[in-house]
Amino acid sequence: MPKQCEAKCEFFRCARKALVRVPSNPHARFIANITFICKEMSGECLEGKCQYATCLRSALLPNNTCGLEYKLERKRTRSIEQEVKKYEEKYGNILERFKGKKLAEDML
């Protein structure tokens, strides 16, 4: 399941430049302790649900999910047997030609 767009993401931006990052603890260094405030609403940021939410990588999908995560999830892994079969089909005729040349040279 793709994750929802979050204000914590490094690619998340507000088109109105109204996003303010306020640490809940002034001495905190971690992003987990940061609250995201919207200056337009004077409240907590709605993240991907806001109409002004944008993504620097253009990966924000209409259903408020992260397209970067979706791309990673869609990749499927192939087994080694499938890879071998693919390359045998692709390069099989080339190998046959080389084998045929060797046999012809040996006969002379």
Protein backbone atom coordinates (compact mmCIF):
# COMPACT_ATOMS: atom_id res chain seq x y z
CA MET A 1 0.00 0.00 0.00
CA PRO A 2 1.56 3.34 -1.01
CA LYS A 3 2.07 5.79 1.81
CA GLN A 4 0.29 9.12 2.07
CA CYS A 5 2.13 12.33 1.26
CA GLU A 6 3.70 13.83 4.39
CA ALA A 7 5.08 17.25 5.24
CA LYS A 8 8.14 15.47 6.67
CA CYS A 9 9.20 14.47 3.15
CA GLU A 10 12.19 16.39 1.80
CA PHE A 11 10.37 16.96 -1.52
CA PHE A 12 7.13 18.34 0.00
CA ARG A 13 6.51 22.06 -0.57
CA CYS A 14 3.66 24.52 -0.09
CA ALA A 15 2.81 26.50 -3.24
CA ARG A 16 1.80 29.51 -1.12
CA LYS A 17 5.03 29.26 0.91
CA ALA A 18 2.93 29.08 4.05
CA LEU A 19 4.56 26.02 5.60
CA VAL A 20 6.49 26.67 8.81
CA ARG A 21 8.49 24.02 10.63
CA VAL A 22 8.26 24.55 14.38
CA PRO A 23 10.19 22.25 16.72
CA SER A 24 8.05 20.98 19.58
CA ASN A 25 11.22 21.05 21.67
CA PRO A 26 13.63 23.92 20.83
CA HIS A 27 16.62 21.68 21.55
CA ALA A 28 15.37 18.80 19.40
CA ARG A 29 17.45 17.93 16.37
CA PHE A 30 15.28 15.20 14.90
CA ILE A 31 12.52 15.73 12.34
CA ALA A 32 10.20 13.51 14.40
CA ASN A 33 9.95 16.30 16.97
CA ILE A 34 8.94 18.97 14.46
CA THR A 35 5.39 20.26 14.02
CA PHE A 36 4.34 21.64 10.63
CA ILE A 37 2.15 24.75 10.82
CA CYS A 38 0.28 26.44 7.95
CA LYS A 39 0.36 30.25 8.13
CA GLU A 40 -2.73 30.50 5.88
CA MET A 41 -4.93 28.38 8.18
CA SER A 42 -3.14 29.24 11.43
CA GLY A 43 -3.18 25.57 12.29
CA GLU A 44 -1.54 22.26 11.59
CA CYS A 45 -0.64 21.48 7.97
CA LEU A 46 -3.08 19.22 6.08
CA GLU A 47 -0.13 17.73 4.16
CA GLY A 48 -1.22 16.00 0.93
CA LYS A 49 -4.89 16.94 1.36
CA CYS A 50 -4.17 20.66 0.97
CA GLN A 51 -4.80 22.17 -2.47
CA TYR A 52 -1.44 23.96 -2.34
CA ALA A 53 0.62 20.86 -1.58
CA THR A 54 3.27 20.20 -4.23
CA CYS A 55 6.11 17.76 -4.72
CA LEU A 56 9.51 18.75 -6.10
CA ARG A 57 9.71 15.38 -7.87
CA SER A 58 6.16 15.75 -9.29
CA ALA A 59 5.22 12.54 -7.53
CA LEU A 60 2.13 13.68 -5.63
CA LEU A 61 -0.76 11.61 -7.00
CA PRO A 62 -4.41 12.81 -7.00
CA ASN A 63 -5.34 10.43 -4.17
CA ASN A 64 -2.71 12.08 -1.90
CA THR A 65 -0.26 9.20 -2.14
CA CYS A 66 3.43 9.41 -2.88
CA GLY A 67 4.24 8.41 -6.46
CA LEU A 68 7.84 7.63 -5.56
CA GLU A 69 6.69 4.88 -3.20
CA TYR A 70 4.22 3.64 -5.80
CA LYS A 71 6.98 3.22 -8.40
CA LEU A 72 9.11 1.24 -5.96
CA GLU A 73 6.19 -0.98 -5.03
CA ARG A 74 5.27 -1.79 -8.65
CA LYS A 75 8.67 -3.24 -9.52
CA ARG A 76 8.51 -6.99 -9.59
CA THR A 77 11.37 -9.32 -9.12
CA ARG A 78 12.06 -12.05 -11.62
CA SER A 79 13.58 -15.36 -10.77
CA ILE A 80 16.95 -16.40 -12.14
CA GLU A 81 15.26 -19.03 -14.31
CA GLN A 82 13.17 -16.35 -16.01
CA GLU A 83 16.27 -14.23 -16.61
CA VAL A 84 18.13 -17.18 -18.16
CA LYS A 85 15.19 -18.03 -20.40
CA LYS A 86 14.95 -14.41 -21.55
CA TYR A 87 18.64 -14.24 -22.47
CA GLU A 88 18.57 -17.65 -24.15
CA GLU A 89 15.76 -16.46 -26.41
CA LYS A 90 17.53 -13.19 -27.10
CA TYR A 91 21.01 -14.55 -27.81
CA GLY A 92 20.23 -18.15 -28.78
CA ASN A 93 20.52 -17.62 -32.54
CA ILE A 94 23.84 -15.80 -32.14
CA LEU A 95 25.27 -18.73 -30.20
CA GLU A 96 24.05 -21.15 -32.88
CA ARG A 97 25.85 -19.14 -35.55
CA PHE A 98 29.12 -19.22 -33.61
CA LYS A 99 28.80 -22.94 -33.03
CA GLY A 100 28.13 -23.47 -36.75
CA LYS A 101 31.27 -21.53 -37.72
CA LYS A 102 33.41 -23.59 -35.37
CA LEU A 103 32.14 -26.83 -36.86
CA ALA A 104 32.71 -25.59 -40.42
CA GLU A 105 36.32 -24.56 -39.60
CA ASP A 106 37.04 -27.91 -37.94
CA MET A 107 35.88 -29.78 -41.04
CA LEU A 108 38.35 -27.96 -43.31
